[in-house]
Structure formats: structure tokens, C-alpha cells
């Protein structure tokens, strides 16, 4: 299942949720970032999802708001015993 949003793209594959930030928070309304972060956290509540992969998509940098959202997502997946991985981070990240 693939879901396209303004801030985070999500895709489920097996027991893993793949999340790709689509840009830095400066390009979005704060409310959209907040709502979509919460949508990812709710998705991680599903019992069939155990792991999380954050795909940075090779983007250069993300600011503190997006990084804070990613940390929340990683903590949520980790607290429930899942594994968290990051991929496609730029050298600047």
C-alpha cells in the first residue's frame, strides 16, 4: 500500500513501514508536518508493522522540525521491539 502525502511518503512492505520525507519543514505548513507525523505514528501502532525504514532520498539536509519528527517515529518503532534503519542519507546529513 502506498500513500502519498505532502510531507512524508509512506509505503508498507511486509512488516516494514518505509517513510520518505519529501522536503524540509520550511516548505510545508507546520500543521501539515504535525498531522503527518502523527499519521506515521498511528500507522506504527498496527500490529502487522514491526520495523521502520527512513529513506532520506539523497536530500542534502533537513531542519530540526523534520529531524524531530523522524526521532519520534524511530522511538515509536523501537519501543515496540521493531528495528529502525536509515538509508540514502547525503554526506551532509
PDB file of N, CA and C in Angstrom:
ATOM      1  N   UNK A   1       0.857  -1.174   0.000  1.00  0.00           N
ATOM      2  CA  UNK A   1       0.000   0.000   0.000  1.00  0.00           C
ATOM      3  C   UNK A   1       0.900   1.233   0.000  1.00  0.00           C
ATOM      4  N   UNK A   2       0.637   2.147  -0.879  1.00  0.00           N
ATOM      5  CA  UNK A   2       1.455   3.353  -0.977  1.00  0.00           C
ATOM      6  C   UNK A   2       0.571   4.557  -0.684  1.00  0.00           C
ATOM      7  N   UNK A   3       1.065   5.441   0.135  1.00  0.00           N
ATOM      8  CA  UNK A   3       0.303   6.639   0.462  1.00  0.00           C
ATOM      9  C   UNK A   3       1.162   7.849   0.167  1.00  0.00           C
ATOM     10  N   UNK A   4       0.610   8.768  -0.569  1.00  0.00           N
ATOM     11  CA  UNK A   4       1.342   9.989  -0.886  1.00  0.00           C
ATOM     12  C   UNK A   4       0.752  11.129  -0.079  1.00  0.00           C
ATOM     13  N   UNK A   5       1.597  11.831   0.573  1.00  0.00           N
ATOM     14  CA  UNK A   5       1.211  12.979   1.368  1.00  0.00           C
ATOM     15  C   UNK A   5       2.106  14.142   0.971  1.00  0.00           C
ATOM     16  N   UNK A   6       1.879  15.263   1.589  1.00  0.00           N
ATOM     17  CA  UNK A   6       2.694  16.444   1.304  1.00  0.00           C
ATOM     18  C   UNK A   6       4.095  16.331   1.912  1.00  0.00           C
ATOM     19  N   UNK A   7       4.174  15.824   3.128  1.00  0.00           N
ATOM     20  CA  UNK A   7       5.409  15.878   3.899  1.00  0.00           C
ATOM     21  C   UNK A   7       6.155  14.538   3.918  1.00  0.00           C
ATOM     22  N   UNK A   8       5.443  13.452   4.155  1.00  0.00           N
ATOM     23  CA  UNK A   8       6.044  12.125   4.243  1.00  0.00           C
ATOM     24  C   UNK A   8       5.321  11.165   3.307  1.00  0.00           C
ATOM     25  N   UNK A   9       6.088  10.464   2.517  1.00  0.00           N
ATOM     26  CA  UNK A   9       5.523   9.394   1.698  1.00  0.00           C
ATOM     27  C   UNK A   9       5.696   8.110   2.493  1.00  0.00           C
ATOM     28  N   UNK A  10       4.647   7.297   2.576  1.00  0.00           N
ATOM     29  CA  UNK A  10       4.699   6.039   3.316  1.00  0.00           C
ATOM     30  C   UNK A  10       4.390   4.884   2.385  1.00  0.00           C
ATOM     31  N   UNK A  11       5.070   3.774   2.641  1.00  0.00           N
ATOM     32  CA  UNK A  11       4.792   2.552   1.903  1.00  0.00           C
ATOM     33  C   UNK A  11       5.045   1.367   2.824  1.00  0.00           C
ATOM     34  N   UNK A  12       4.092   0.444   2.882  1.00  0.00           N
ATOM     35  CA  UNK A  12       4.240  -0.766   3.678  1.00  0.00           C
ATOM     36  C   UNK A  12       4.711  -1.898   2.779  1.00  0.00           C
ATOM     37  N   UNK A  13       5.695  -2.643   3.271  1.00  0.00           N
ATOM     38  CA  UNK A  13       6.156  -3.859   2.606  1.00  0.00           C
ATOM     39  C   UNK A  13       6.364  -4.894   3.693  1.00  0.00           C
ATOM     40  N   UNK A  14       5.510  -5.888   3.709  1.00  0.00           N
ATOM     41  CA  UNK A  14       5.585  -6.899   4.765  1.00  0.00           C
ATOM     42  C   UNK A  14       5.362  -6.262   6.117  1.00  0.00           C
ATOM     43  N   UNK A  15       6.315  -6.501   7.030  1.00  0.00           N
ATOM     44  CA  UNK A  15       6.180  -5.947   8.388  1.00  0.00           C
ATOM     45  C   UNK A  15       6.971  -4.652   8.564  1.00  0.00           C
ATOM     46  N   UNK A  16       7.303  -4.002   7.436  1.00  0.00           N
ATOM     47  CA  UNK A  16       8.134  -2.798   7.492  1.00  0.00           C
ATOM     48  C   UNK A  16       7.410  -1.612   6.872  1.00  0.00           C
ATOM     49  N   UNK A  17       7.497  -0.482   7.537  1.00  0.00           N
ATOM     50  CA  UNK A  17       6.961   0.772   7.016  1.00  0.00           C
ATOM     51  C   UNK A  17       8.139   1.604   6.516  1.00  0.00           C
ATOM     52  N   UNK A  18       8.085   1.988   5.244  1.00  0.00           N
ATOM     53  CA  UNK A  18       9.090   2.854   4.643  1.00  0.00           C
ATOM     54  C   UNK A  18       8.540   4.271   4.621  1.00  0.00           C
ATOM     55  N   UNK A  19       9.313   5.221   5.127  1.00  0.00           N
ATOM     56  CA  UNK A  19       8.897   6.617   5.189  1.00  0.00           C
ATOM     57  C   UNK A  19       9.974   7.462   4.511  1.00  0.00           C
ATOM     58  N   UNK A  20       9.539   8.332   3.623  1.00  0.00           N
ATOM     59  CA  UNK A  20      10.464   9.214   2.923  1.00  0.00           C
ATOM     60  C   UNK A  20      10.022  10.657   3.119  1.00  0.00           C
ATOM     61  N   UNK A  21      10.819  11.469   3.840  1.00  0.00           N
ATOM     62  CA  UNK A  21      10.495  12.890   3.943  1.00  0.00           C
ATOM     63  C   UNK A  21      10.616  13.531   2.558  1.00  0.00           C
ATOM     64  N   UNK A  22       9.634  14.324   2.186  1.00  0.00           N
ATOM     65  CA  UNK A  22       9.590  14.905   0.845  1.00  0.00           C
ATOM     66  C   UNK A  22      10.198  16.299   0.775  1.00  0.00           C
ATOM     67  N   UNK A  23      10.770  16.763   1.863  1.00  0.00           N
ATOM     68  CA  UNK A  23      11.409  18.072   1.892  1.00  0.00           C
ATOM     69  C   UNK A  23      11.516  18.553   3.321  1.00  0.00           C
ATOM     70  N   UNK A  24      12.117  19.700   3.475  1.00  0.00           N
ATOM     71  CA  UNK A  24      12.267  20.261   4.815  1.00  0.00           C
ATOM     72  C   UNK A  24      10.983  20.975   5.233  1.00  0.00           C
ATOM     73  N   UNK A  25      10.837  21.158   6.519  1.00  0.00           N
ATOM     74  CA  UNK A  25       9.629  21.764   7.076  1.00  0.00           C
ATOM     75  C   UNK A  25       9.387  23.175   6.565  1.00  0.00           C
ATOM     76  N   UNK A  26      10.433  23.873   6.149  1.00  0.00           N
ATOM     77  CA  UNK A  26      10.253  25.241   5.662  1.00  0.00           C
ATOM     78  C   UNK A  26       9.348  25.284   4.430  1.00  0.00           C
ATOM     79  N   UNK A  27       9.270  24.171   3.711  1.00  0.00           N
ATOM     80  CA  UNK A  27       8.428  24.114   2.527  1.00  0.00           C
ATOM     81  C   UNK A  27       6.995  23.710   2.819  1.00  0.00           C
ATOM     82  N   UNK A  28       6.671  23.460   4.089  1.00  0.00           N
ATOM     83  CA  UNK A  28       5.341  22.983   4.462  1.00  0.00           C
ATOM     84  C   UNK A  28       4.778  23.821   5.605  1.00  0.00           C
ATOM     85  N   UNK A  29       3.493  23.755   5.751  1.00  0.00           N
ATOM     86  CA  UNK A  29       2.863  24.358   6.933  1.00  0.00           C
ATOM     87  C   UNK A  29       3.157  23.469   8.133  1.00  0.00           C
ATOM     88  N   UNK A  30       3.380  24.089   9.288  1.00  0.00           N
ATOM     89  CA  UNK A  30       3.700  23.314  10.487  1.00  0.00           C
ATOM     90  C   UNK A  30       2.586  22.321  10.793  1.00  0.00           C
ATOM     91  N   UNK A  31       1.335  22.714  10.605  1.00  0.00           N
ATOM     92  CA  UNK A  31       0.209  21.829  10.891  1.00  0.00           C
ATOM     93  C   UNK A  31       0.273  20.569  10.030  1.00  0.00           C
ATOM     94  N   UNK A  32       0.676  20.702   8.769  1.00  0.00           N
ATOM     95  CA  UNK A  32       0.808  19.529   7.904  1.00  0.00           C
ATOM     96  C   UNK A  32       1.903  18.593   8.414  1.00  0.00           C
ATOM     97  N   UNK A  33       3.031  19.156   8.833  1.00  0.00           N
ATOM     98  CA  UNK A  33       4.127  18.340   9.375  1.00  0.00           C
ATOM     99  C   UNK A  33       3.639  17.605  10.620  1.00  0.00           C
ATOM    100  N   UNK A  34       2.992  18.320  11.510  1.00  0.00           N
ATOM    101  CA  UNK A  34       2.488  17.742  12.754  1.00  0.00           C
ATOM    102  C   UNK A  34       1.476  16.625  12.470  1.00  0.00           C
ATOM    103  N   UNK A  35       0.508  16.896  11.611  1.00  0.00           N
ATOM    104  CA  UNK A  35      -0.531  15.907  11.306  1.00  0.00           C
ATOM    105  C   UNK A  35       0.040  14.669  10.633  1.00  0.00           C
ATOM    106  N   UNK A  36       0.959  14.873   9.716  1.00  0.00           N
ATOM    107  CA  UNK A  36       1.517  13.717   9.020  1.00  0.00           C
ATOM    108  C   UNK A  36       2.474  12.918   9.897  1.00  0.00           C
ATOM    109  N   UNK A  37       3.167  13.574  10.803  1.00  0.00           N
ATOM    110  CA  UNK A  37       3.978  12.848  11.782  1.00  0.00           C
ATOM    111  C   UNK A  37       3.077  11.950  12.613  1.00  0.00           C
ATOM    112  N   UNK A  38       1.960  12.501  13.067  1.00  0.00           N
ATOM    113  CA  UNK A  38       1.010  11.708  13.853  1.00  0.00           C
ATOM    114  C   UNK A  38       0.417  10.565  13.037  1.00  0.00           C
ATOM    115  N   UNK A  39       0.212  10.767  11.739  1.00  0.00           N
ATOM    116  CA  UNK A  39      -0.309   9.697  10.880  1.00  0.00           C
ATOM    117  C   UNK A  39       0.700   8.546  10.799  1.00  0.00           C
ATOM    118  N   UNK A  40       1.976   8.863  10.698  1.00  0.00           N
ATOM    119  CA  UNK A  40       3.001   7.819  10.681  1.00  0.00           C
ATOM    120  C   UNK A  40       3.025   7.089  12.019  1.00  0.00           C
ATOM    121  N   UNK A  41       2.946   7.820  13.114  1.00  0.00           N
ATOM    122  CA  UNK A  41       2.951   7.200  14.437  1.00  0.00           C
ATOM    123  C   UNK A  41       1.750   6.275  14.609  1.00  0.00           C
ATOM    124  N   UNK A  42       0.593   6.672  14.114  1.00  0.00           N
ATOM    125  CA  UNK A  42      -0.598   5.812  14.174  1.00  0.00           C
ATOM    126  C   UNK A  42      -0.403   4.561  13.322  1.00  0.00           C
ATOM    127  N   UNK A  43       0.222   4.729  12.181  1.00  0.00           N
ATOM    128  CA  UNK A  43       0.484   3.585  11.302  1.00  0.00           C
ATOM    129  C   UNK A  43       1.373   2.567  12.023  1.00  0.00           C
ATOM    130  N   UNK A  44       2.334   3.063  12.786  1.00  0.00           N
ATOM    131  CA  UNK A  44       3.234   2.175  13.521  1.00  0.00           C
ATOM    132  C   UNK A  44       2.532   1.443  14.661  1.00  0.00           C
ATOM    133  N   UNK A  45       1.315   1.849  15.017  1.00  0.00           N
ATOM    134  CA  UNK A  45       0.528   1.148  16.036  1.00  0.00           C
ATOM    135  C   UNK A  45      -0.047  -0.166  15.516  1.00  0.00           C
ATOM    136  N   UNK A  46      -0.118  -0.326  14.197  1.00  0.00           N
ATOM    137  CA  UNK A  46      -0.695  -1.551  13.643  1.00  0.00           C
ATOM    138  C   UNK A  46       0.177  -2.751  14.004  1.00  0.00           C
ATOM    139  N   UNK A  47      -0.440  -3.820  14.500  1.00  0.00           N
ATOM    140  CA  UNK A  47       0.339  -4.977  14.957  1.00  0.00           C
ATOM    141  C   UNK A  47       1.113  -5.686  13.846  1.00  0.00           C
ATOM    142  N   UNK A  48       0.718  -5.503  12.594  1.00  0.00           N
ATOM    143  CA  UNK A  48       1.426  -6.166  11.494  1.00  0.00           C
ATOM    144  C   UNK A  48       2.697  -5.424  11.084  1.00  0.00           C
ATOM    145  N   UNK A  49       2.930  -4.232  11.642  1.00  0.00           N
ATOM    146  CA  UNK A  49       4.135  -3.461  11.326  1.00  0.00           C
ATOM    147  C   UNK A  49       5.101  -3.501  12.501  1.00  0.00           C
ATOM    148  N   UNK A  50       6.315  -3.953  12.239  1.00  0.00           N
ATOM    149  CA  UNK A  50       7.304  -4.042  13.313  1.00  0.00           C
ATOM    150  C   UNK A  50       8.492  -3.122  13.083  1.00  0.00           C
ATOM    151  N   UNK A  51       8.828  -2.883  11.828  1.00  0.00           N
ATOM    152  CA  UNK A  51      10.072  -2.175  11.518  1.00  0.00           C
ATOM    153  C   UNK A  51       9.806  -0.889  10.759  1.00  0.00           C
ATOM    154  N   UNK A  52      10.807  -0.020  10.791  1.00  0.00           N
ATOM    155  CA  UNK A  52      10.714   1.285  10.143  1.00  0.00           C
ATOM    156  C   UNK A  52      12.002   1.565   9.380  1.00  0.00           C
ATOM    157  N   UNK A  53      11.860   1.988   8.135  1.00  0.00           N
ATOM    158  CA  UNK A  53      12.998   2.447   7.340  1.00  0.00           C
ATOM    159  C   UNK A  53      12.716   3.890   6.947  1.00  0.00           C
ATOM    160  N   UNK A  54      13.647   4.776   7.274  1.00  0.00           N
ATOM    161  CA  UNK A  54      13.557   6.168   6.859  1.00  0.00           C
ATOM    162  C   UNK A  54      14.477   6.333   5.656  1.00  0.00           C
ATOM    163  N   UNK A  55      13.901   6.685   4.530  1.00  0.00           N
ATOM    164  CA  UNK A  55      14.648   6.888   3.290  1.00  0.00           C
ATOM    165  C   UNK A  55      14.793   8.389   3.072  1.00  0.00           C
ATOM    166  N   UNK A  56      16.010   8.887   3.224  1.00  0.00           N
ATOM    167  CA  UNK A  56      16.251  10.322   3.085  1.00  0.00           C
ATOM    168  C   UNK A  56      16.269  10.779   1.629  1.00  0.00           C
ATOM    169  N   UNK A  57      16.212   9.841   0.711  1.00  0.00           N
ATOM    170  CA  UNK A  57      16.100  10.176  -0.704  1.00  0.00           C
ATOM    171  C   UNK A  57      17.254  11.001  -1.248  1.00  0.00           C
ATOM    172  N   UNK A  58      18.397  10.965  -0.577  1.00  0.00           N
ATOM    173  CA  UNK A  58      19.558  11.706  -1.035  1.00  0.00           C
ATOM    174  C   UNK A  58      19.464  13.212  -0.862  1.00  0.00           C
ATOM    175  N   UNK A  59      18.415  13.685  -0.193  1.00  0.00           N
ATOM    176  CA  UNK A  59      18.293  15.129   0.024  1.00  0.00           C
ATOM    177  C   UNK A  59      19.412  15.604   0.946  1.00  0.00           C
ATOM    178  N   UNK A  60      19.857  16.832   0.707  1.00  0.00           N
ATOM    179  CA  UNK A  60      21.038  17.312   1.422  1.00  0.00           C
ATOM    180  C   UNK A  60      20.848  17.424   2.920  1.00  0.00           C
ATOM    181  N   UNK A  61      19.891  18.213   3.348  1.00  0.00           N
ATOM    182  CA  UNK A  61      19.718  18.475   4.779  1.00  0.00           C
ATOM    183  C   UNK A  61      18.243  18.593   5.142  1.00  0.00           C
ATOM    184  N   UNK A  62      17.962  18.270   6.385  1.00  0.00           N
ATOM    185  CA  UNK A  62      16.643  18.511   6.958  1.00  0.00           C
ATOM    186  C   UNK A  62      16.848  19.320   8.226  1.00  0.00           C
ATOM    187  N   UNK A  63      15.910  20.202   8.511  1.00  0.00           N
ATOM    188  CA  UNK A  63      15.987  21.012   9.713  1.00  0.00           C
ATOM    189  C   UNK A  63      15.490  20.271  10.935  1.00  0.00           C
ATOM    190  N   UNK A  64      15.501  20.977  12.054  1.00  0.00           N
ATOM    191  CA  UNK A  64      15.194  20.357  13.343  1.00  0.00           C
ATOM    192  C   UNK A  64      13.761  19.847  13.440  1.00  0.00           C
ATOM    193  N   UNK A  65      12.825  20.460  12.741  1.00  0.00           N
ATOM    194  CA  UNK A  65      11.429  20.008  12.846  1.00  0.00           C
ATOM    195  C   UNK A  65      11.273  18.628  12.210  1.00  0.00           C
ATOM    196  N   UNK A  66      11.812  18.438  11.006  1.00  0.00           N
ATOM    197  CA  UNK A  66      11.717  17.137  10.351  1.00  0.00           C
ATOM    198  C   UNK A  66      12.547  16.106  11.102  1.00  0.00           C
ATOM    199  N   UNK A  67      13.745  16.486  11.549  1.00  0.00           N
ATOM    200  CA  UNK A  67      14.574  15.558  12.323  1.00  0.00           C
ATOM    201  C   UNK A  67      13.847  15.154  13.607  1.00  0.00           C
ATOM    202  N   UNK A  68      13.190  16.100  14.262  1.00  0.00           N
ATOM    203  CA  UNK A  68      12.414  15.780  15.459  1.00  0.00           C
ATOM    204  C   UNK A  68      11.306  14.796  15.167  1.00  0.00           C
ATOM    205  N   UNK A  69      10.641  14.961  14.038  1.00  0.00           N
ATOM    206  CA  UNK A  69       9.581  14.024  13.641  1.00  0.00           C
ATOM    207  C   UNK A  69      10.160  12.632  13.404  1.00  0.00           C
ATOM    208  N   UNK A  70      11.300  12.575  12.749  1.00  0.00           N
ATOM    209  CA  UNK A  70      11.946  11.289  12.461  1.00  0.00           C
ATOM    210  C   UNK A  70      12.351  10.590  13.759  1.00  0.00           C
ATOM    211  N   UNK A  71      12.846  11.356  14.720  1.00  0.00           N
ATOM    212  CA  UNK A  71      13.219  10.782  16.015  1.00  0.00           C
ATOM    213  C   UNK A  71      11.986  10.204  16.709  1.00  0.00           C
ATOM    214  N   UNK A  72      10.866  10.908  16.677  1.00  0.00           N
ATOM    215  CA  UNK A  72       9.626  10.392  17.267  1.00  0.00           C
ATOM    216  C   UNK A  72       9.232   9.069  16.629  1.00  0.00           C
ATOM    217  N   UNK A  73       9.314   9.013  15.292  1.00  0.00           N
ATOM    218  CA  UNK A  73       8.957   7.790  14.567  1.00  0.00           C
ATOM    219  C   UNK A  73       9.882   6.642  14.970  1.00  0.00           C
ATOM    220  N   UNK A  74      11.198   6.922  15.025  1.00  0.00           N
ATOM    221  CA  UNK A  74      12.171   5.887  15.370  1.00  0.00           C
ATOM    222  C   UNK A  74      11.959   5.381  16.799  1.00  0.00           C
ATOM    223  N   UNK A  75      11.696   6.277  17.710  1.00  0.00           N
ATOM    224  CA  UNK A  75      11.447   5.873  19.098  1.00  0.00           C
ATOM    225  C   UNK A  75      10.209   4.998  19.190  1.00  0.00           C
ATOM    226  N   UNK A  76       9.174   5.371  18.457  1.00  0.00           N
ATOM    227  CA  UNK A  76       7.930   4.594  18.479  1.00  0.00           C
ATOM    228  C   UNK A  76       8.179   3.173  17.980  1.00  0.00           C
ATOM    229  N   UNK A  77       8.861   3.037  16.848  1.00  0.00           N
ATOM    230  CA  UNK A  77       9.137   1.709  16.306  1.00  0.00           C
ATOM    231  C   UNK A  77      10.037   0.910  17.253  1.00  0.00           C
ATOM    232  N   UNK A  78      11.046   1.563  17.812  1.00  0.00           N
ATOM    233  CA  UNK A  78      11.980   0.886  18.704  1.00  0.00           C
ATOM    234  C   UNK A  78      11.367   0.461  20.024  1.00  0.00           C
ATOM    235  N   UNK A  79      10.452   1.255  20.562  1.00  0.00           N
ATOM    236  CA  UNK A  79       9.855   0.920  21.858  1.00  0.00           C
ATOM    237  C   UNK A  79       8.974  -0.308  21.769  1.00  0.00           C
ATOM    238  N   UNK A  80       8.476  -0.599  20.586  1.00  0.00           N
ATOM    239  CA  UNK A  80       7.633  -1.775  20.404  1.00  0.00           C
ATOM    240  C   UNK A  80       8.438  -2.984  19.934  1.00  0.00           C
ATOM    241  N   UNK A  81       9.768  -2.882  20.002  1.00  0.00           N
ATOM    242  CA  UNK A  81      10.627  -4.003  19.674  1.00  0.00           C
ATOM    243  C   UNK A  81      11.030  -4.101  18.211  1.00  0.00           C
ATOM    244  N   UNK A  82      10.621  -3.131  17.410  1.00  0.00           N
ATOM    245  CA  UNK A  82      10.976  -3.146  15.994  1.00  0.00           C
ATOM    246  C   UNK A  82      12.373  -2.615  15.761  1.00  0.00           C
ATOM    247  N   UNK A  83      12.833  -2.825  14.569  1.00  0.00           N
ATOM    248  CA  UNK A  83      14.137  -2.310  14.149  1.00  0.00           C
ATOM    249  C   UNK A  83      13.927  -1.045  13.325  1.00  0.00           C
ATOM    250  N   UNK A  84      14.910  -0.152  13.372  1.00  0.00           N
ATOM    251  CA  UNK A  84      14.855   1.105  12.633  1.00  0.00           C
ATOM    252  C   UNK A  84      16.126   1.210  11.798  1.00  0.00           C
ATOM    253  N   UNK A  85      15.951   1.602  10.537  1.00  0.00           N
ATOM    254  CA  UNK A  85      17.103   1.788   9.658  1.00  0.00           C
ATOM    255  C   UNK A  85      16.938   3.087   8.884  1.00  0.00           C
ATOM    256  N   UNK A  86      18.071   3.675   8.515  1.00  0.00           N
ATOM    257  CA  UNK A  86      18.089   4.886   7.702  1.00  0.00           C
ATOM    258  C   UNK A  86      18.841   4.571   6.413  1.00  0.00           C
ATOM    259  N   UNK A  87      18.376   5.120   5.303  1.00  0.00           N
ATOM    260  CA  UNK A  87      19.080   4.900   4.041  1.00  0.00           C
ATOM    261  C   UNK A  87      19.052   6.148   3.177  1.00  0.00           C
ATOM    262  N   UNK A  88      19.952   6.175   2.212  1.00  0.00           N
ATOM    263  CA  UNK A  88      20.056   7.256   1.232  1.00  0.00           C
ATOM    264  C   UNK A  88      20.311   8.629   1.850  1.00  0.00           C
ATOM    265  N   UNK A  89      21.026   8.651   2.971  1.00  0.00           N
ATOM    266  CA  UNK A  89      21.381   9.942   3.566  1.00  0.00           C
ATOM    267  C   UNK A  89      22.530  10.544   2.769  1.00  0.00           C
ATOM    268  N   UNK A  90      22.472  11.839   2.545  1.00  0.00           N
ATOM    269  CA  UNK A  90      23.557  12.538   1.858  1.00  0.00           C
ATOM    270  C   UNK A  90      24.748  12.651   2.805  1.00  0.00           C
ATOM    271  N   UNK A  91      25.926  12.912   2.283  1.00  0.00           N
ATOM    272  CA  UNK A  91      27.085  13.115   3.171  1.00  0.00           C
ATOM    273  C   UNK A  91      26.845  14.260   4.161  1.00  0.00           C
ATOM    274  N   UNK A  92      26.083  15.276   3.767  1.00  0.00           N
ATOM    275  CA  UNK A  92      25.785  16.405   4.662  1.00  0.00           C
ATOM    276  C   UNK A  92      24.895  15.973   5.829  1.00  0.00           C
ATOM    277  N   UNK A  93      24.040  15.001   5.615  1.00  0.00           N
ATOM    278  CA  UNK A  93      23.171  14.519   6.680  1.00  0.00           C
ATOM    279  C   UNK A  93      23.999  13.780   7.720  1.00  0.00           C
TER     280      UNK A  93
END
